C-alpha atoms as a PDB file:
ATOM      1  CA  MET A   1     121.191 110.325 115.977  1.00  0.00           C
ATOM      2  CA  SER A   2     117.456 110.582 115.443  1.00  0.00           C
ATOM      3  CA  GLN A   3     115.193 108.028 117.227  1.00  0.00           C
ATOM      4  CA  HIS A   4     113.256 105.650 114.864  1.00  0.00           C
ATOM      5  CA  ASN A   5     110.799 103.138 115.143  1.00  0.00           C
ATOM      6  CA  LEU A   6     111.926  99.599 114.455  1.00  0.00           C
ATOM      7  CA  PHE A   7     110.067  96.418 114.012  1.00  0.00           C
ATOM      8  CA  ILE A   8     111.995  92.914 114.134  1.00  0.00           C
ATOM      9  CA  ILE A   9     110.609  89.758 113.256  1.00  0.00           C
ATOM     10  CA  ASP A  10     112.869  86.611 114.024  1.00  0.00           C
ATOM     11  CA  ASP A  11     112.058  83.180 115.638  1.00  0.00           C
ATOM     12  CA  ASP A  12     115.027  83.243 117.251  1.00  0.00           C
ATOM     13  CA  VAL A  13     113.558  84.336 120.819  1.00  0.00           C
ATOM     14  CA  LYS A  14     116.688  85.052 122.747  1.00  0.00           C
ATOM     15  CA  LEU A  15     118.410  87.088 119.487  1.00  0.00           C
ATOM     16  CA  GLY A  16     115.084  89.067 119.332  1.00  0.00           C
ATOM     17  CA  GLU A  17     115.090  90.502 122.423  1.00  0.00           C
ATOM     18  CA  VAL A  18     118.895  90.886 122.590  1.00  0.00           C
ATOM     19  CA  LEU A  19     118.349  93.080 119.218  1.00  0.00           C
ATOM     20  CA  GLN A  20     115.400  94.808 120.835  1.00  0.00           C
ATOM     21  CA  GLU A  21     117.024  95.918 124.142  1.00  0.00           C
ATOM     22  CA  TYR A  22     120.147  96.853 122.063  1.00  0.00           C
ATOM     23  CA  LEU A  23     118.339  99.126 119.912  1.00  0.00           C
ATOM     24  CA  GLN A  24     116.531 100.659 122.873  1.00  0.00           C
ATOM     25  CA  LYS A  25     119.558 101.438 124.562  1.00  0.00           C
ATOM     26  CA  GLN A  26     120.997 103.090 121.372  1.00  0.00           C
ATOM     27  CA  GLY A  27     117.663 105.566 121.535  1.00  0.00           C
ATOM     28  CA  HIS A  28     115.591 103.952 118.961  1.00  0.00           C
ATOM     29  CA  GLN A  29     112.267 102.382 119.654  1.00  0.00           C
ATOM     30  CA  ALA A  30     112.135  98.752 119.178  1.00  0.00           C
ATOM     31  CA  GLU A  31     109.121  96.220 119.069  1.00  0.00           C
ATOM     32  CA  TYR A  32     109.764  92.350 118.489  1.00  0.00           C
ATOM     33  CA  GLU A  33     107.544  89.469 117.363  1.00  0.00           C
ATOM     34  CA  PRO A  34     108.938  85.796 116.876  1.00  0.00           C
ATOM     35  CA  VAL A  35     106.021  84.459 114.888  1.00  0.00           C
ATOM     36  CA  PRO A  36     105.909  85.884 111.232  1.00  0.00           C
ATOM     37  CA  VAL A  37     102.312  85.513 110.608  1.00  0.00           C
ATOM     38  CA  ARG A  38     101.432  88.046 113.472  1.00  0.00           C
ATOM     39  CA  GLY A  39     104.487  90.146 112.461  1.00  0.00           C
ATOM     40  CA  VAL A  40     102.829  90.412 109.209  1.00  0.00           C
ATOM     41  CA  LYS A  41      99.477  91.262 110.864  1.00  0.00           C
ATOM     42  CA  ILE A  42     101.071  93.822 112.888  1.00  0.00           C
ATOM     43  CA  LEU A  43     102.458  95.855 109.905  1.00  0.00           C
ATOM     44  CA  LYS A  44      99.193  95.944 108.376  1.00  0.00           C
ATOM     45  CA  GLU A  45      97.743  97.648 111.291  1.00  0.00           C
ATOM     46  CA  ARG A  46     100.719  99.996 112.456  1.00  0.00           C
ATOM     47  CA  THR A  47     103.314 102.066 111.014  1.00  0.00           C
ATOM     48  CA  PHE A  48     107.236 101.661 111.488  1.00  0.00           C
ATOM     49  CA  ASP A  49     110.204 103.107 109.924  1.00  0.00           C
ATOM     50  CA  LEU A  50     112.135  99.827 109.364  1.00  0.00           C
ATOM     51  CA  LEU A  51     111.562  96.346 109.402  1.00  0.00           C
ATOM     52  CA  ILE A  52     114.502  93.986 110.489  1.00  0.00           C
ATOM     53  CA  LEU A  53     113.618  90.364 108.917  1.00  0.00           C
ATOM     54  CA  ASP A  54     115.183  87.015 109.628  1.00  0.00           C
ATOM     55  CA  ILE A  55     114.982  84.745 106.485  1.00  0.00           C
ATOM     56  CA  MET A  56     115.175  81.450 108.116  1.00  0.00           C
ATOM     57  CA  MET A  57     112.039  80.802 109.859  1.00  0.00           C
ATOM     58  CA  PRO A  58     109.531  77.863 110.441  1.00  0.00           C
ATOM     59  CA  GLU A  59     105.891  78.295 109.171  1.00  0.00           C
ATOM     60  CA  MET A  60     106.479  81.384 106.851  1.00  0.00           C
ATOM     61  CA  ASP A  61     110.209  82.369 105.941  1.00  0.00           C
ATOM     62  CA  GLY A  62     111.461  85.824 105.488  1.00  0.00           C
ATOM     63  CA  LEU A  63     111.390  85.835 101.862  1.00  0.00           C
ATOM     64  CA  GLU A  64     107.512  85.108 101.845  1.00  0.00           C
ATOM     65  CA  VAL A  65     106.887  87.375 104.534  1.00  0.00           C
ATOM     66  CA  CYS A  66     108.505  89.950 102.378  1.00  0.00           C
ATOM     67  CA  ARG A  67     106.485  89.147  99.569  1.00  0.00           C
ATOM     68  CA  HIS A  68     103.386  89.498 101.742  1.00  0.00           C
ATOM     69  CA  ILE A  69     104.683  92.852 103.087  1.00  0.00           C
ATOM     70  CA  ARG A  70     105.434  94.471  99.544  1.00  0.00           C
ATOM     71  CA  GLN A  71     101.746  93.896  98.925  1.00  0.00           C
ATOM     72  CA  PHE A  72     100.238  96.865 101.210  1.00  0.00           C
ATOM     73  CA  SER A  73     103.594  98.430 102.407  1.00  0.00           C
ATOM     74  CA  ASN A  74     107.164 100.023 101.241  1.00  0.00           C
ATOM     75  CA  ILE A  75     108.803  99.665 104.975  1.00  0.00           C
ATOM     76  CA  PRO A  76     112.222  99.743 104.555  1.00  0.00           C
ATOM     77  CA  ILE A  77     113.631  95.959 105.110  1.00  0.00           C
ATOM     78  CA  LEU A  78     116.909  94.789 106.425  1.00  0.00           C
ATOM     79  CA  PHE A  79     117.007  90.910 105.362  1.00  0.00           C
ATOM     80  CA  LEU A  80     118.964  89.065 108.399  1.00  0.00           C
ATOM     81  CA  SER A  81     120.205  85.382 107.727  1.00  0.00           C
ATOM     82  CA  ALA A  82     122.549  82.616 108.980  1.00  0.00           C
ATOM     83  CA  ARG A  83     123.517  81.672 105.541  1.00  0.00           C
ATOM     84  CA  GLY A  84     125.708  83.548 103.382  1.00  0.00           C
ATOM     85  CA  ASP A  85     123.707  82.381  99.894  1.00  0.00           C
ATOM     86  CA  THR A  86     124.070  84.543  97.319  1.00  0.00           C
ATOM     87  CA  THR A  87     120.952  83.217  96.320  1.00  0.00           C
ATOM     88  CA  ASP A  88     118.924  84.308  99.280  1.00  0.00           C
ATOM     89  CA  ARG A  89     120.358  87.957  98.953  1.00  0.00           C
ATOM     90  CA  ILE A  90     119.646  88.280  95.232  1.00  0.00           C
ATOM     91  CA  ILE A  91     116.167  87.050  95.864  1.00  0.00           C
ATOM     92  CA  GLY A  92     115.606  89.157  98.919  1.00  0.00           C
ATOM     93  CA  LEU A  93     116.948  92.294  97.385  1.00  0.00           C
ATOM     94  CA  GLU A  94     114.926  91.827  94.337  1.00  0.00           C
ATOM     95  CA  LEU A  95     111.955  91.250  96.122  1.00  0.00           C
ATOM     96  CA  GLY A  96     112.739  94.768  97.636  1.00  0.00           C
ATOM     97  CA  ALA A  97     114.896  94.374 100.625  1.00  0.00           C
ATOM     98  CA  ASP A  98     116.933  97.312 101.220  1.00  0.00           C
ATOM     99  CA  ASP A  99     119.915  95.530 102.918  1.00  0.00           C
ATOM    100  CA  TYR A 100     121.212  92.154 104.054  1.00  0.00           C
ATOM    101  CA  LEU A 101     123.100  91.108 106.889  1.00  0.00           C
ATOM    102  CA  THR A 102     124.699  87.654 107.566  1.00  0.00           C
ATOM    103  CA  LYS A 103     124.822  86.553 110.995  1.00  0.00           C
ATOM    104  CA  PRO A 104     126.616  86.273 113.399  1.00  0.00           C
ATOM    105  CA  PHE A 105     126.859  90.127 113.113  1.00  0.00           C
ATOM    106  CA  GLU A 106     128.581  92.862 115.502  1.00  0.00           C
ATOM    107  CA  PRO A 107     125.505  94.826 116.871  1.00  0.00           C
ATOM    108  CA  ARG A 108     127.431  98.080 115.723  1.00  0.00           C
ATOM    109  CA  GLU A 109     127.364  97.014 112.088  1.00  0.00           C
ATOM    110  CA  LEU A 110     123.490  96.412 112.533  1.00  0.00           C
ATOM    111  CA  LEU A 111     123.126  99.965 113.567  1.00  0.00           C
ATOM    112  CA  ALA A 112     125.122 101.169 110.973  1.00  0.00           C
ATOM    113  CA  ARG A 113     123.347  99.351 108.168  1.00  0.00           C
ATOM    114  CA  ILE A 114     119.940 100.728 109.861  1.00  0.00           C
ATOM    115  CA  ASP A 115     121.198 104.483 109.639  1.00  0.00           C
ATOM    116  CA  SER A 116     122.268 104.000 106.309  1.00  0.00           C
ATOM    117  CA  ILE A 117     119.170 102.455 105.148  1.00  0.00           C
ATOM    118  CA  LEU A 118     117.122 105.430 106.638  1.00  0.00           C
ATOM    119  CA  ARG A 119     119.506 107.878 104.942  1.00  0.00           C
ATOM    120  CA  ARG A 120     119.042 106.619 101.462  1.00  0.00           C
ATOM    121  CA  VAL A 121     115.209 106.024 101.505  1.00  0.00           C
ATOM    122  CA  PRO A 122     114.079 108.664 103.827  1.00  0.00           C
ATOM    123  CA  SER A 123     111.133 109.134 101.578  1.00  0.00           C
ATOM    124  CA  ASN A 124     109.987 105.641 102.395  1.00  0.00           C
ATOM    125  CA  SER A 125     109.239 106.105 105.557  1.00  0.00           C
ATOM    126  CA  LYS A 126     107.339 109.435 105.144  1.00  0.00           C
ATOM    127  CA  LYS A 127     105.166 108.332 102.502  1.00  0.00           C
ATOM    128  CA  GLU A 128     104.222 105.170 104.934  1.00  0.00           C
ATOM    129  CA  ASP A 129     103.733 107.741 107.861  1.00  0.00           C
ATOM    130  CA  LYS A 130     101.224 109.479 105.618  1.00  0.00           C
ATOM    131  CA  ALA A 131      99.125 106.465 104.579  1.00  0.00           C
ATOM    132  CA  LEU A 132      95.633 106.281 106.033  1.00  0.00           C
ATOM    133  CA  LEU A 133      95.828 102.235 106.643  1.00  0.00           C
ATOM    134  CA  LEU A 134      92.021 100.436 106.784  1.00  0.00           C
ATOM    135  CA  ASN A 135      91.575  96.870 107.929  1.00  0.00           C
ATOM    136  CA  SER A 136      88.199  95.499 106.840  1.00  0.00           C
ATOM    137  CA  ASN A 137      88.869  92.189 109.019  1.00  0.00           C
ATOM    138  CA  THR A 138      88.863  94.333 112.186  1.00  0.00           C
ATOM    139  CA  MET A 139      87.132  97.529 111.140  1.00  0.00           C
ATOM    140  CA  SER A 140      89.698  99.400 112.080  1.00  0.00           C
ATOM    141  CA  ALA A 141      92.034 102.340 110.891  1.00  0.00           C
ATOM    142  CA  SER A 142      94.981 104.041 111.579  1.00  0.00           C
ATOM    143  CA  LEU A 143      96.263 107.480 110.119  1.00  0.00           C
ATOM    144  CA  LEU A 144      99.798 109.014 110.694  1.00  0.00           C
ATOM    145  CA  GLY A 145     100.724 105.500 112.812  1.00  0.00           C
ATOM    146  CA  GLU A 146      97.712 106.667 115.237  1.00  0.00           C
ATOM    147  CA  GLN A 147      94.401 104.695 115.401  1.00  0.00           C
ATOM    148  CA  LEU A 148      91.146 106.064 114.826  1.00  0.00           C
ATOM    149  CA  ASN A 149      88.061 105.331 117.009  1.00  0.00           C
ATOM    150  CA  LEU A 150      85.648 105.048 114.104  1.00  0.00           C
ATOM    151  CA  THR A 151      82.212 103.388 114.613  1.00  0.00           C
ATOM    152  CA  SER A 152      81.256 100.541 112.305  1.00  0.00           C
ATOM    153  CA  MET A 153      79.421 102.943 110.114  1.00  0.00           C
ATOM    154  CA  GLU A 154      82.072 105.304 109.911  1.00  0.00           C
ATOM    155  CA  PHE A 155      84.534 102.788 108.791  1.00  0.00           C
ATOM    156  CA  SER A 156      82.154 101.543 106.410  1.00  0.00           C
ATOM    157  CA  ALA A 157      81.586 104.642 104.827  1.00  0.00           C
ATOM    158  CA  LEU A 158      85.474 105.631 105.227  1.00  0.00           C
ATOM    159  CA  ASN A 159      86.072 102.397 103.362  1.00  0.00           C
ATOM    160  CA  PHE A 160      83.798 103.078 100.393  1.00  0.00           C
ATOM    161  CA  LEU A 161      85.222 106.403 100.043  1.00  0.00           C
ATOM    162  CA  VAL A 162      88.749 105.124  99.612  1.00  0.00           C
ATOM    163  CA  GLN A 163      87.884 101.789  97.409  1.00  0.00           C
ATOM    164  CA  ASN A 164      86.285 104.393  94.840  1.00  0.00           C
ATOM    165  CA  LYS A 165      89.017 107.119  95.511  1.00  0.00           C
ATOM    166  CA  HIS A 166      88.887 109.736  92.982  1.00  0.00           C
ATOM    167  CA  ARG A 167      85.392 109.128  91.855  1.00  0.00           C
ATOM    168  CA  ILE A 168      82.071 111.307  93.065  1.00  0.00           C
ATOM    169  CA  VAL A 169      80.263 109.047  95.612  1.00  0.00           C
ATOM    170  CA  SER A 170      77.005 110.473  95.705  1.00  0.00           C
ATOM    171  CA  ARG A 171      75.155 110.419  99.118  1.00  0.00           C
ATOM    172  CA  GLU A 172      72.565 107.748  97.607  1.00  0.00           C
ATOM    173  CA  ASP A 173      75.650 105.582  96.965  1.00  0.00           C
ATOM    174  CA  LEU A 174      76.625 105.776 100.664  1.00  0.00           C
ATOM    175  CA  ILE A 175      72.753 105.440 101.427  1.00  0.00           C
ATOM    176  CA  ASN A 176      72.930 101.825  99.262  1.00  0.00           C
ATOM    177  CA  GLN A 177      76.547 101.064 100.855  1.00  0.00           C
ATOM    178  CA  LEU A 178      75.270 101.369 104.551  1.00  0.00           C
ATOM    179  CA  GLN A 179      71.623  99.545 104.071  1.00  0.00           C
ATOM    180  CA  GLY A 180      70.967  96.752 106.337  1.00  0.00           C
ATOM    181  CA  MET A 181      73.072  98.402 109.243  1.00  0.00           C
ATOM    182  CA  GLU A 182      71.039  98.987 112.237  1.00  0.00           C
ATOM    183  CA  VAL A 183      71.082 102.788 112.148  1.00  0.00           C
ATOM    184  CA  GLU A 184      68.566 104.805 109.762  1.00  0.00           C
ATOM    185  CA  VAL A 185      70.078 106.127 106.763  1.00  0.00           C
ATOM    186  CA  PHE A 186      68.948 109.191 104.963  1.00  0.00           C
ATOM    187  CA  ASP A 187      70.548 112.074 103.274  1.00  0.00           C
ATOM    188  CA  ARG A 188      71.047 114.476 106.198  1.00  0.00           C
ATOM    189  CA  SER A 189      72.471 111.719 108.180  1.00  0.00           C
ATOM    190  CA  ILE A 190      75.148 110.932 105.505  1.00  0.00           C
ATOM    191  CA  ASP A 191      76.182 114.757 105.741  1.00  0.00           C
ATOM    192  CA  ILE A 192      76.421 114.157 109.511  1.00  0.00           C
ATOM    193  CA  LEU A 193      78.471 110.853 109.253  1.00  0.00           C
ATOM    194  CA  ILE A 194      81.004 112.412 106.907  1.00  0.00           C
ATOM    195  CA  SER A 195      81.461 115.419 109.339  1.00  0.00           C
ATOM    196  CA  ARG A 196      82.337 112.887 112.266  1.00  0.00           C
ATOM    197  CA  ILE A 197      84.678 111.448 109.712  1.00  0.00           C
ATOM    198  CA  ARG A 198      86.430 114.568 109.163  1.00  0.00           C
ATOM    199  CA  GLN A 199      86.620 115.293 112.897  1.00  0.00           C
ATOM    200  CA  LYS A 200      88.451 112.118 113.672  1.00  0.00           C
ATOM    201  CA  LEU A 201      90.643 112.602 110.425  1.00  0.00           C
ATOM    202  CA  LYS A 202      91.151 116.234 112.145  1.00  0.00           C
ATOM    203  CA  GLU A 203      90.185 117.622 108.452  1.00  0.00           C
ATOM    204  CA  ASP A 204      90.145 121.525 107.796  1.00  0.00           C
ATOM    205  CA  THR A 205      86.818 121.400 105.436  1.00  0.00           C
ATOM    206  CA  LYS A 206      88.065 124.430 103.891  1.00  0.00           C
ATOM    207  CA  HIS A 207      91.221 122.835 102.626  1.00  0.00           C
ATOM    208  CA  PRO A 208      90.534 119.246 102.945  1.00  0.00           C
ATOM    209  CA  LYS A 209      93.113 116.492 102.521  1.00  0.00           C
ATOM    210  CA  TYR A 210      91.246 113.146 102.382  1.00  0.00           C
ATOM    211  CA  ILE A 211      87.520 114.072 101.834  1.00  0.00           C
ATOM    212  CA  LYS A 212      86.021 116.701  99.045  1.00  0.00           C
ATOM    213  CA  THR A 213      82.690 117.781  98.964  1.00  0.00           C
ATOM    214  CA  ILE A 214      81.845 118.111  95.338  1.00  0.00           C
ATOM    215  CA  ARG A 215      78.659 120.358  95.741  1.00  0.00           C
ATOM    216  CA  GLY A 216      75.221 119.189  94.681  1.00  0.00           C
ATOM    217  CA  GLN A 217      77.073 115.647  93.809  1.00  0.00           C
ATOM    218  CA  GLY A 218      78.360 114.108  96.715  1.00  0.00           C
ATOM    219  CA  TYR A 219      82.022 113.283  98.102  1.00  0.00           C
ATOM    220  CA  ARG A 220      85.440 112.290  96.630  1.00  0.00           C
ATOM    221  CA  TYR A 221      88.281 110.803  98.469  1.00  0.00           C
ATOM    222  CA  ILE A 222      91.324 112.836  97.647  1.00  0.00           C
ATOM    223  CA  GLY A 223      94.008 111.193 100.161  1.00  0.00           C
ATOM    224  CA  ASP A 224      96.120 109.489  97.541  1.00  0.00           C
ATOM    225  CA  GLU A 225      96.590 112.948  95.118  1.00  0.00           C
ATOM    226  CA  GLU A 226      99.488 114.901  95.190  1.00  0.00           C
END
């Protein structure tokens, strides 16, 4: 059995901790968060292979959590619910959930559902792993699930390139974008800045995957190109 990185959001702390321990004993990595809002924040910042999501939760129910997540991630989602309500099941699947399991359930059935989902949608987890994730609120970035140690200027420059993906961004554009930061910005410093970003992205400049130099014009973010 392959090891997967699983995330659980469920306000039932006892159940969540039991599930986490059980999945870890089965050879998976598993993390648990009882507060839905914090769970969504974690998913914006980090990469997991599958989400186990309770529906009936205070503050934000699982259906609303799913709506938020589908705005930025295609992570496979397995819903858990204490109700066998067909309406909830249909709505959940329409929102983009991959499966639905009614409480109480056999832990072995949960494990079988997880394995089944990950066999059906391997491309989802691979696509998620390739994502460059930027969080403007915390000025943090991750690539392939690993945090990038970017300075504020490096983050601002990379974020601007990503926002203008597939468009050539000139050095002058970047200088204007970075004006006001407590660093002197000029043409040569932009080249050095891009070089530092590439090093942190582990870029091969001869065969770039993320930032391409357009000779005499500037730079273009190509990270989403096939």
